[in-house]
Amino acid sequence: MPETRKGAKIKRAMQQTYGAKKGEQVFHASATKGTIRGVHKPAKKSGRRR
């Protein structure tokens, strides 16, 4: 998933704290749970407007 600048910064900090692999897992779990917000770019809506 594409990340925002805020997301990249938080992910980098988590990887330093927990290690490369575990840090990424913790980051994505926190984003999915909703603990941290605004870390992924919003998905573009598809479809045709009428």
Protein backbone atom coordinates (compact mmCIF):
# COMPACT_ATOMS: atom_id res chain seq x y z
CA MET A 1 0.00 0.00 0.00
CA PRO A 2 1.25 3.48 -0.74
CA GLU A 3 2.10 5.44 2.34
CA THR A 4 2.02 9.10 3.20
CA ARG A 5 5.04 10.93 4.60
CA LYS A 6 3.57 10.49 8.06
CA GLY A 7 3.24 6.74 7.45
CA ALA A 8 6.81 6.39 6.23
CA LYS A 9 8.12 8.24 9.28
CA ILE A 10 6.14 6.10 11.73
CA LYS A 11 7.09 2.89 9.93
CA ARG A 12 10.78 3.80 10.02
CA ALA A 13 10.56 4.48 13.76
CA MET A 14 8.79 1.17 14.40
CA GLN A 15 11.41 -0.71 12.37
CA GLN A 16 14.16 0.83 14.47
CA THR A 17 12.35 -0.16 17.66
CA TYR A 18 11.14 -3.66 16.75
CA GLY A 19 13.46 -4.69 13.91
CA ALA A 20 12.81 -4.66 10.17
CA LYS A 21 10.27 -7.48 9.83
CA LYS A 22 8.45 -7.15 13.15
CA GLY A 23 8.35 -3.35 12.81
CA GLU A 24 6.51 -3.63 9.51
CA GLN A 25 4.04 -6.10 11.02
CA VAL A 26 3.35 -3.82 13.98
CA PHE A 27 2.93 -0.81 11.67
CA HIS A 28 0.37 -2.51 9.42
CA ALA A 29 -1.49 -4.02 12.38
CA SER A 30 -1.75 -0.60 14.03
CA ALA A 31 -2.99 0.98 10.79
CA THR A 32 -5.58 -1.76 10.29
CA LYS A 33 -6.80 -1.52 13.87
CA GLY A 34 -7.10 2.26 13.60
CA THR A 35 -4.58 3.13 16.28
CA ILE A 36 -2.70 5.30 13.81
CA ARG A 37 -4.58 7.18 11.10
CA GLY A 38 -3.59 8.95 7.95
CA VAL A 39 -0.67 6.65 7.17
CA HIS A 40 -2.00 5.20 3.90
CA LYS A 41 -3.11 7.19 0.87
CA PRO A 42 -6.85 6.88 0.32
CA ALA A 43 -7.98 4.55 -2.43
CA LYS A 44 -9.31 6.22 -5.53
CA LYS A 45 -12.96 5.58 -6.20
CA SER A 46 -13.64 3.95 -9.51
CA GLY A 47 -16.72 4.11 -11.60
CA ARG A 48 -18.33 6.38 -14.09
CA ARG A 49 -20.16 9.53 -13.07
CA ARG A 50 -23.46 10.33 -14.65
